[in-house]
Amino acid sequence: MFDPKYKYTCVDRFLRYAKYDTQSDEESTSFPSTEKQKKLSADLAKELKKMGLKDAAMDKWGYVFATLPANTAKKVPPIAFISHVDTSPAVSGKSVKPVIHRNYRGGDIRLPIGGRVIKVSENPDLGNMKGFDIITSNGATLLGADNKAGIAEIMDAANYLITHPEVKHGPIKVCFTPDEEVGRGTEKIDLKKLGAKYAYTVDGSSRGEVESETFSADMVVLKFIGKNIHPGYAKNKMINSTKIAAAFLESMPKKRLSPETTEKRQGYVHCTTISGIEEATTLKIIIRDFETPKLKEYETLLEELAKKAVSRFPGSKYEIKIVNQYRNMREVLVKHPQVTKYAVRAMRNLGIKPILQAIRGGTDGSRLSFMGLPTPNIFAGEHSFHSQLEWVAVQDMEMAVRAIVEIAKTWEKRC
């Protein structure tokens, strides 16, 4: 039973962490992509050490590792809980000013700045939050619950286990990573140093989420090459690559493969960036599907459309590069069913209805699973991430702390 007198620390920690500017940069070639992420990471390592995790440290890449030793005689495999320090490049994370809306009464939430409104119609989970305390930004920035809520919850769970030695558990590994938001969160991770057999990322939304399936993902980098010349003398000579790119984009499927028209288990093809001049234009296109073989079908389709676009502009050409991003972690986790099973059992032990669903996206767990560390994702309570409308409920954060503790207990009991 979770100590009913325990004073949670996750909210105070989160409010403090949210004020660190840890925004990552998808255009950067350094690692981490922004040095400012290391400020929070270094301070987290100090906090963990002060809590009593003697080996807590940040490595040169900005990863934080720490171990809470086992307190049971059973042979329990080491399990890790992982969250990321960086926030999305899409919206500023500088000078975040969290606002707590106490005892939420229902209805839309109007933020103090920018006339922004968190609408119930766009956030169904708000309908279940009456009486809860909702944390938002002031509307000028994102909040950073993605994924600083997860960090705060892991820190609080570690604090609980340290202060409640009667709760038996195996070795617990803590890991905080940089650059998850730009798809590079596992690029430099030292799994030998982490020393875990299994792991959970704490980076989900609704209470009870246990996610063991993601999209498989590739990126297509498509470059159209034309010919530039002074526009005053361009007749029958210029080949404007931006027009080739426009023709290509216009030919892409709009109903069956556009993210605006797909849902549930449907895949999509999505152009994220386009840049260029008359001479050359480059498009970055992400491809997503739950069935990995379908990625090849989409890539073949895109190349066929590129050939057709180029054929309309004699003398032009294209170059195509396929970048492997991540794969559906289900392909690994089905071989280790106990990892998901124990998380589901923990939710039920807490009276939470497990929500088993596929993520229409990816997590660090996708790559970690294929690197040999089976890693499903569990809820952290974060909603409407990557926007100024981001929010998290205090009570969901506290329940996430309990879920982490219960997962640790479940592993010890089942071994």
Protein backbone atom coordinates (compact mmCIF):
# COMPACT_ATOMS: atom_id res chain seq x y z
CA MET A 1 0.00 0.00 0.00
CA PHE A 2 1.26 3.47 -0.84
CA ASP A 3 1.84 5.58 2.28
CA PRO A 4 -1.24 7.87 2.50
CA LYS A 5 0.76 10.36 4.59
CA TYR A 6 3.52 10.73 2.00
CA LYS A 7 4.11 14.32 0.93
CA TYR A 8 4.62 14.29 -2.83
CA THR A 9 7.52 16.32 -4.21
CA CYS A 10 6.78 15.94 -7.92
CA VAL A 11 4.85 19.19 -8.38
CA ASP A 12 7.40 21.37 -6.60
CA ARG A 13 10.16 19.70 -8.61
CA PHE A 14 8.27 20.16 -11.86
CA LEU A 15 7.59 23.84 -11.26
CA ARG A 16 11.31 24.30 -10.69
CA TYR A 17 12.43 22.22 -13.70
CA ALA A 18 9.96 23.96 -16.02
CA LYS A 19 11.87 27.21 -15.60
CA TYR A 20 15.02 25.76 -17.19
CA ASP A 21 15.24 26.54 -20.90
CA THR A 22 16.11 23.15 -22.40
CA GLN A 23 14.79 23.57 -25.94
CA SER A 24 16.59 21.34 -28.44
CA ASP A 25 17.49 22.35 -32.01
CA GLU A 26 16.71 20.10 -34.98
CA GLU A 27 19.11 22.02 -37.24
CA SER A 28 22.11 21.59 -34.93
CA THR A 29 24.82 19.04 -35.71
CA SER A 30 26.34 19.09 -32.21
CA PHE A 31 25.41 16.74 -29.38
CA PRO A 32 23.46 17.56 -27.44
CA SER A 33 21.93 19.90 -29.97
CA THR A 34 21.92 22.72 -27.39
CA GLU A 35 24.35 23.07 -24.49
CA LYS A 36 21.67 24.61 -22.27
CA GLN A 37 20.10 21.19 -21.80
CA LYS A 38 23.13 20.22 -19.72
CA LYS A 39 22.32 22.82 -17.07
CA LEU A 40 19.21 20.96 -15.96
CA SER A 41 20.91 17.58 -16.38
CA ALA A 42 23.85 18.59 -14.19
CA ASP A 43 21.51 19.86 -11.49
CA LEU A 44 19.44 16.66 -11.65
CA ALA A 45 22.60 14.60 -11.11
CA LYS A 46 23.39 16.71 -8.04
CA GLU A 47 19.86 16.24 -6.70
CA LEU A 48 20.04 12.48 -7.15
CA LYS A 49 23.36 12.30 -5.36
CA LYS A 50 21.99 14.42 -2.52
CA MET A 51 19.05 12.00 -2.27
CA GLY A 52 21.52 9.20 -1.66
CA LEU A 53 22.13 7.71 -5.11
CA LYS A 54 25.90 7.68 -4.77
CA ASP A 55 26.77 6.92 -8.39
CA ALA A 56 24.62 9.73 -9.83
CA ALA A 57 26.47 11.65 -12.54
CA MET A 58 26.10 13.38 -15.90
CA ASP A 59 28.37 12.14 -18.68
CA LYS A 60 30.02 14.34 -21.31
CA TRP A 61 27.03 13.98 -23.65
CA GLY A 62 24.49 15.20 -21.11
CA TYR A 63 23.03 11.84 -20.06
CA VAL A 64 22.27 11.42 -16.37
CA PHE A 65 22.68 7.96 -14.83
CA ALA A 66 21.98 6.85 -11.27
CA THR A 67 21.26 3.64 -9.36
CA LEU A 68 18.98 2.92 -6.43
CA PRO A 69 20.38 -0.39 -5.12
CA ALA A 70 18.13 -3.37 -4.54
CA ASN A 71 16.81 -3.97 -1.01
CA THR A 72 15.57 -7.51 -1.59
CA ALA A 73 17.29 -10.88 -1.48
CA LYS A 74 15.49 -11.93 -4.66
CA LYS A 75 17.30 -11.83 -7.99
CA VAL A 76 15.37 -9.08 -9.72
CA PRO A 77 16.63 -7.77 -13.08
CA PRO A 78 17.66 -4.09 -13.06
CA ILE A 79 14.91 -1.92 -14.54
CA ALA A 80 15.27 1.70 -15.65
CA PHE A 81 12.91 4.64 -15.70
CA ILE A 82 13.76 7.17 -18.40
CA SER A 83 12.62 10.69 -19.29
CA HIS A 84 14.09 13.42 -21.47
CA VAL A 85 15.17 16.91 -20.41
CA ASP A 86 14.69 18.72 -23.73
CA THR A 87 11.57 20.51 -24.90
CA SER A 88 10.23 20.85 -28.43
CA PRO A 89 11.89 23.17 -30.97
CA ALA A 90 8.40 24.13 -32.15
CA VAL A 91 7.62 26.59 -29.34
CA SER A 92 9.83 28.62 -27.03
CA GLY A 93 10.67 27.12 -23.66
CA LYS A 94 12.41 30.26 -22.37
CA SER A 95 11.11 32.02 -19.24
CA VAL A 96 8.28 29.55 -18.68
CA LYS A 97 5.84 30.80 -16.07
CA PRO A 98 3.62 27.93 -14.89
CA VAL A 99 0.08 28.70 -13.71
CA ILE A 100 -1.87 26.37 -11.40
CA HIS A 101 -5.64 26.39 -11.90
CA ARG A 102 -6.86 25.07 -8.56
CA ASN A 103 -9.99 22.94 -8.26
CA TYR A 104 -10.83 22.99 -11.97
CA ARG A 105 -14.59 23.40 -12.37
CA GLY A 106 -14.87 22.28 -15.97
CA GLY A 107 -15.10 24.19 -19.22
CA ASP A 108 -12.44 25.83 -21.35
CA ILE A 109 -9.29 27.23 -19.71
CA ARG A 110 -8.29 30.72 -20.83
CA LEU A 111 -4.58 31.47 -20.47
CA PRO A 112 -3.42 34.89 -19.26
CA ILE A 113 -1.37 35.80 -22.34
CA GLY A 114 -2.12 35.71 -26.06
CA GLY A 115 -5.84 35.04 -25.85
CA ARG A 116 -5.10 31.31 -26.01
CA VAL A 117 -7.75 28.88 -24.81
CA ILE A 118 -7.44 25.21 -23.88
CA LYS A 119 -10.73 23.90 -25.24
CA VAL A 120 -12.56 20.92 -23.79
CA SER A 121 -13.68 20.06 -27.32
CA GLU A 122 -10.03 19.56 -28.28
CA ASN A 123 -8.96 17.97 -24.98
CA PRO A 124 -11.41 15.17 -24.08
CA ASP A 125 -9.40 14.26 -20.97
CA LEU A 126 -10.32 17.62 -19.44
CA GLY A 127 -13.80 16.21 -19.00
CA ASN A 128 -12.39 13.84 -16.38
CA MET A 129 -10.49 16.54 -14.47
CA LYS A 130 -13.18 18.32 -12.47
CA GLY A 131 -11.85 19.01 -9.00
CA PHE A 132 -8.27 18.49 -10.13
CA ASP A 133 -5.53 21.12 -10.15
CA ILE A 134 -4.40 21.87 -13.71
CA ILE A 135 -0.96 23.29 -14.49
CA THR A 136 -0.51 25.32 -17.69
CA SER A 137 1.91 27.93 -18.97
CA ASN A 138 0.82 31.57 -19.01
CA GLY A 139 0.28 31.23 -22.77
CA ALA A 140 3.53 32.83 -23.91
CA THR A 141 5.53 29.57 -24.04
CA LEU A 142 5.04 25.86 -23.86
CA LEU A 143 4.84 24.37 -20.36
CA GLY A 144 7.49 21.68 -20.62
CA ALA A 145 5.43 18.88 -19.08
CA ASP A 146 6.76 16.95 -22.06
CA ASN A 147 8.90 15.61 -20.48
CA LYS A 148 9.79 17.45 -17.28
CA ALA A 149 6.65 16.03 -15.68
CA GLY A 150 8.16 12.58 -16.26
CA ILE A 151 11.47 13.69 -14.77
CA ALA A 152 9.75 15.07 -11.66
CA GLU A 153 7.73 11.88 -11.26
CA ILE A 154 10.79 9.64 -11.50
CA MET A 155 12.62 11.84 -8.98
CA ASP A 156 9.67 11.69 -6.59
CA ALA A 157 9.34 7.91 -6.97
CA ALA A 158 13.05 7.52 -6.17
CA ASN A 159 12.54 9.74 -3.12
CA TYR A 160 9.61 7.58 -2.01
CA LEU A 161 11.56 4.34 -2.33
CA ILE A 162 14.52 5.82 -0.45
CA THR A 163 12.32 7.04 2.40
CA HIS A 164 10.24 3.85 2.52
CA PRO A 165 12.77 0.99 2.73
CA GLU A 166 9.95 -1.41 3.66
CA VAL A 167 8.97 -1.33 -0.03
CA LYS A 168 11.01 -4.13 -1.57
CA HIS A 169 12.46 -3.69 -5.05
CA GLY A 170 15.28 -4.78 -7.28
CA PRO A 171 17.96 -2.48 -8.72
CA ILE A 172 16.33 0.69 -10.04
CA LYS A 173 18.16 2.67 -12.70
CA VAL A 174 17.37 6.32 -13.38
CA CYS A 175 18.24 7.90 -16.72
CA PHE A 176 17.57 11.37 -18.11
CA THR A 177 18.39 11.98 -21.76
CA PRO A 178 18.86 14.98 -24.07
CA ASP A 179 17.51 15.57 -27.58
CA GLU A 180 14.52 13.23 -27.63
CA GLU A 181 12.42 15.90 -29.35
CA VAL A 182 14.77 16.01 -32.34
CA GLY A 183 14.96 12.23 -32.65
CA ARG A 184 18.48 11.89 -31.27
CA GLY A 185 17.80 10.93 -27.67
CA THR A 186 19.61 7.59 -27.85
CA GLU A 187 22.40 8.64 -30.19
CA LYS A 188 25.18 8.64 -27.58
CA ILE A 189 23.62 6.64 -24.76
CA ASP A 190 25.88 4.15 -22.99
CA LEU A 191 23.61 1.20 -22.25
CA LYS A 192 26.42 -0.68 -20.54
CA LYS A 193 26.78 2.21 -18.13
CA LEU A 194 23.03 2.34 -17.60
CA GLY A 195 23.12 -1.34 -16.70
CA ALA A 196 19.41 -2.09 -17.07
CA LYS A 197 17.80 -5.25 -18.39
CA TYR A 198 14.44 -3.62 -19.11
CA ALA A 199 13.15 -0.05 -19.03
CA TYR A 200 10.14 2.25 -19.13
CA THR A 201 10.00 5.71 -20.58
CA VAL A 202 7.71 7.96 -18.54
CA ASP A 203 6.45 10.17 -21.34
CA GLY A 204 2.78 9.44 -21.99
CA SER A 205 -0.50 11.31 -21.65
CA SER A 206 -3.64 9.88 -20.09
CA ARG A 207 -3.66 8.14 -16.73
CA GLY A 208 -3.26 4.41 -17.28
CA GLU A 209 -1.48 4.51 -20.63
CA VAL A 210 0.86 1.60 -21.26
CA GLU A 211 2.18 1.86 -24.79
CA SER A 212 4.12 -0.97 -26.37
CA GLU A 213 3.66 -0.10 -30.03
CA THR A 214 4.78 2.86 -32.11
CA PHE A 215 4.94 3.84 -35.72
CA SER A 216 7.85 2.65 -37.82
CA ALA A 217 9.46 5.70 -39.36
CA ASP A 218 11.71 6.83 -42.19
CA MET A 219 12.55 10.21 -43.65
CA VAL A 220 12.86 10.84 -47.37
CA VAL A 221 15.17 13.69 -48.33
CA LEU A 222 14.24 14.67 -51.89
CA LYS A 223 16.26 17.21 -53.85
CA PHE A 224 15.07 18.68 -57.15
CA ILE A 225 17.81 20.18 -59.30
CA GLY A 226 17.04 22.76 -61.95
CA LYS A 227 19.03 25.43 -63.77
CA ASN A 228 19.33 29.07 -62.80
CA ILE A 229 19.97 32.07 -65.02
CA HIS A 230 19.18 35.77 -64.81
CA PRO A 231 15.36 35.99 -64.99
CA GLY A 232 15.60 38.76 -67.57
CA TYR A 233 17.22 36.29 -69.98
CA ALA A 234 15.59 33.08 -68.83
CA LYS A 235 13.33 32.20 -71.73
CA ASN A 236 13.80 28.57 -72.75
CA LYS A 237 16.80 28.37 -70.40
CA MET A 238 15.73 28.54 -66.74
CA ILE A 239 14.49 25.43 -64.95
CA ASN A 240 13.07 26.63 -61.65
CA SER A 241 13.48 23.86 -59.06
CA THR A 242 10.88 25.43 -56.75
CA LYS A 243 8.24 24.86 -59.45
CA ILE A 244 9.29 21.21 -59.78
CA ALA A 245 8.93 20.84 -56.02
CA ALA A 246 5.52 22.50 -56.17
CA ALA A 247 4.39 20.12 -58.91
CA PHE A 248 5.61 17.18 -56.86
CA LEU A 249 3.81 18.34 -53.70
CA GLU A 250 0.60 18.90 -55.62
CA SER A 251 0.75 15.31 -56.89
CA MET A 252 1.07 13.75 -53.40
CA PRO A 253 -1.99 11.81 -52.17
CA LYS A 254 -4.20 14.10 -50.13
CA LYS A 255 -6.90 11.80 -48.81
CA ARG A 256 -5.45 8.42 -48.05
CA LEU A 257 -1.93 9.36 -46.91
CA SER A 258 -2.10 12.91 -45.57
CA PRO A 259 -1.81 13.24 -41.77
CA GLU A 260 -4.80 15.58 -41.80
CA THR A 261 -6.98 12.75 -43.10
CA THR A 262 -5.61 9.72 -41.25
CA GLU A 263 -6.11 8.30 -37.75
CA LYS A 264 -5.86 5.19 -35.58
CA ARG A 265 -3.71 2.61 -37.42
CA GLN A 266 -3.48 4.48 -40.72
CA GLY A 267 -0.04 5.56 -41.87
CA TYR A 268 0.87 8.82 -43.53
CA VAL A 269 3.38 10.72 -45.67
CA HIS A 270 4.11 14.28 -44.56
CA CYS A 271 6.37 17.01 -45.94
CA THR A 272 7.83 18.81 -42.92
CA THR A 273 10.22 21.31 -44.53
CA ILE A 274 10.97 22.77 -47.94
CA SER A 275 13.89 25.03 -48.74
CA GLY A 276 15.68 26.14 -51.87
CA ILE A 277 16.24 28.56 -54.71
CA GLU A 278 15.87 28.28 -58.49
CA GLU A 279 18.92 26.02 -58.76
CA ALA A 280 17.92 23.41 -56.19
CA THR A 281 15.07 22.73 -53.75
CA THR A 282 15.13 20.16 -50.94
CA LEU A 283 12.13 18.58 -49.27
CA LYS A 284 12.16 16.57 -46.06
CA ILE A 285 9.29 14.09 -45.93
CA ILE A 286 8.51 11.85 -42.97
CA ILE A 287 6.85 8.48 -43.50
CA ARG A 288 4.96 6.65 -40.76
CA ASP A 289 3.15 3.33 -40.53
CA PHE A 290 2.65 0.61 -37.93
CA GLU A 291 3.58 -2.04 -40.50
CA THR A 292 7.27 -1.62 -41.37
CA PRO A 293 7.06 -3.11 -44.90
CA LYS A 294 4.65 -0.33 -45.89
CA LEU A 295 7.42 2.24 -45.54
CA LYS A 296 9.03 0.81 -48.66
CA GLU A 297 5.72 1.12 -50.53
CA TYR A 298 5.46 4.80 -49.63
CA GLU A 299 9.08 5.44 -50.57
CA THR A 300 8.53 3.80 -53.96
CA LEU A 301 5.44 5.94 -54.48
CA LEU A 302 7.34 9.13 -53.67
CA GLU A 303 10.11 8.28 -56.10
CA GLU A 304 7.56 7.58 -58.84
CA LEU A 305 5.96 10.97 -58.20
CA ALA A 306 9.40 12.62 -58.26
CA LYS A 307 10.13 11.06 -61.66
CA LYS A 308 6.82 12.33 -63.02
CA ALA A 309 7.48 15.83 -61.70
CA VAL A 310 10.93 15.93 -63.27
CA SER A 311 9.56 14.66 -66.59
CA ARG A 312 7.45 17.83 -66.82
CA PHE A 313 10.62 19.96 -66.69
CA PRO A 314 13.09 18.64 -69.31
CA GLY A 315 16.69 19.01 -68.21
CA SER A 316 15.90 18.76 -64.48
CA LYS A 317 16.74 15.85 -62.21
CA TYR A 318 16.19 14.65 -58.68
CA GLU A 319 18.20 12.99 -55.90
CA ILE A 320 16.61 10.88 -53.19
CA LYS A 321 17.96 9.67 -49.85
CA ILE A 322 16.18 7.41 -47.35
CA VAL A 323 16.99 7.94 -43.68
CA ASN A 324 16.00 5.17 -41.26
CA GLN A 325 14.53 6.82 -38.15
CA TYR A 326 12.97 4.18 -35.87
CA ARG A 327 10.93 0.99 -35.94
CA ASN A 328 7.78 -0.24 -34.21
CA MET A 329 8.92 -1.35 -30.77
CA ARG A 330 6.19 -4.00 -30.77
CA GLU A 331 8.54 -6.12 -32.90
CA VAL A 332 10.85 -6.39 -29.86
CA LEU A 333 8.40 -6.17 -26.97
CA VAL A 334 6.34 -9.17 -28.13
CA LYS A 335 9.45 -11.22 -27.31
CA HIS A 336 9.49 -9.84 -23.76
CA PRO A 337 5.79 -9.77 -22.80
CA GLN A 338 6.47 -9.49 -19.07
CA VAL A 339 7.69 -5.90 -19.43
CA THR A 340 4.30 -4.66 -20.61
CA LYS A 341 2.42 -7.20 -18.49
CA TYR A 342 3.96 -5.96 -15.24
CA ALA A 343 3.13 -2.34 -16.07
CA VAL A 344 -0.48 -3.33 -16.77
CA ARG A 345 -0.61 -5.30 -13.52
CA ALA A 346 0.75 -2.29 -11.63
CA MET A 347 -1.98 -0.05 -13.06
CA ARG A 348 -4.67 -2.51 -12.01
CA ASN A 349 -3.16 -2.82 -8.54
CA LEU A 350 -3.70 0.94 -8.21
CA GLY A 351 -7.27 0.73 -9.42
CA ILE A 352 -6.38 2.34 -12.73
CA LYS A 353 -7.93 1.04 -15.94
CA PRO A 354 -4.97 0.29 -18.26
CA ILE A 355 -5.08 2.02 -21.62
CA LEU A 356 -3.29 -0.18 -24.14
CA GLN A 357 -2.87 1.69 -27.37
CA ALA A 358 -0.42 2.31 -30.16
CA ILE A 359 1.45 5.60 -30.28
CA ARG A 360 0.95 7.57 -33.49
CA GLY A 361 4.55 8.67 -33.18
CA GLY A 362 7.74 7.39 -31.63
CA THR A 363 9.56 7.45 -28.31
CA ASP A 364 13.11 6.83 -27.24
CA GLY A 365 11.74 3.42 -26.33
CA SER A 366 11.51 2.58 -30.03
CA ARG A 367 15.24 2.86 -30.54
CA LEU A 368 16.15 1.54 -27.11
CA SER A 369 14.13 -1.61 -27.72
CA PHE A 370 16.04 -2.31 -30.93
CA MET A 371 19.31 -1.52 -29.15
CA GLY A 372 18.62 -4.42 -26.78
CA LEU A 373 16.73 -2.64 -23.99
CA PRO A 374 12.99 -3.49 -24.23
CA THR A 375 11.26 -0.23 -23.31
CA PRO A 376 7.50 0.45 -23.38
CA ASN A 377 6.10 3.86 -22.43
CA ILE A 378 3.86 4.75 -19.48
CA PHE A 379 1.78 7.81 -18.69
CA ALA A 380 3.19 11.03 -17.25
CA GLY A 381 -0.04 13.05 -17.50
CA GLU A 382 1.16 15.49 -20.17
CA HIS A 383 -1.33 16.81 -22.75
CA SER A 384 -1.29 19.07 -25.83
CA PHE A 385 2.48 18.98 -25.90
CA HIS A 386 4.59 21.01 -28.35
CA SER A 387 2.29 24.00 -27.94
CA GLN A 388 1.41 26.91 -25.68
CA LEU A 389 -1.73 24.94 -24.77
CA GLU A 390 0.19 22.21 -22.95
CA TRP A 391 -1.20 21.11 -19.59
CA VAL A 392 -0.85 18.50 -16.86
CA ALA A 393 -2.96 17.66 -13.81
CA VAL A 394 -1.32 17.59 -10.39
CA GLN A 395 -3.28 14.48 -9.43
CA ASP A 396 -2.12 12.63 -12.56
CA MET A 397 1.49 13.46 -11.74
CA GLU A 398 1.05 12.07 -8.25
CA MET A 399 -0.58 8.94 -9.65
CA ALA A 400 2.34 8.51 -12.06
CA VAL A 401 4.68 8.51 -9.03
CA ARG A 402 2.62 5.73 -7.52
CA ALA A 403 2.64 3.83 -10.83
CA ILE A 404 6.45 3.92 -11.00
CA VAL A 405 6.69 2.64 -7.42
CA GLU A 406 4.10 -0.06 -8.11
CA ILE A 407 5.96 -1.25 -11.22
CA ALA A 408 9.13 -1.60 -9.13
CA LYS A 409 7.17 -3.56 -6.51
CA THR A 410 5.56 -5.77 -9.16
CA TRP A 411 8.91 -6.83 -10.61
CA GLU A 412 10.13 -7.79 -7.14
CA LYS A 413 6.98 -9.77 -6.32
CA ARG A 414 6.93 -11.66 -9.64
CA CYS A 415 10.57 -12.76 -9.48
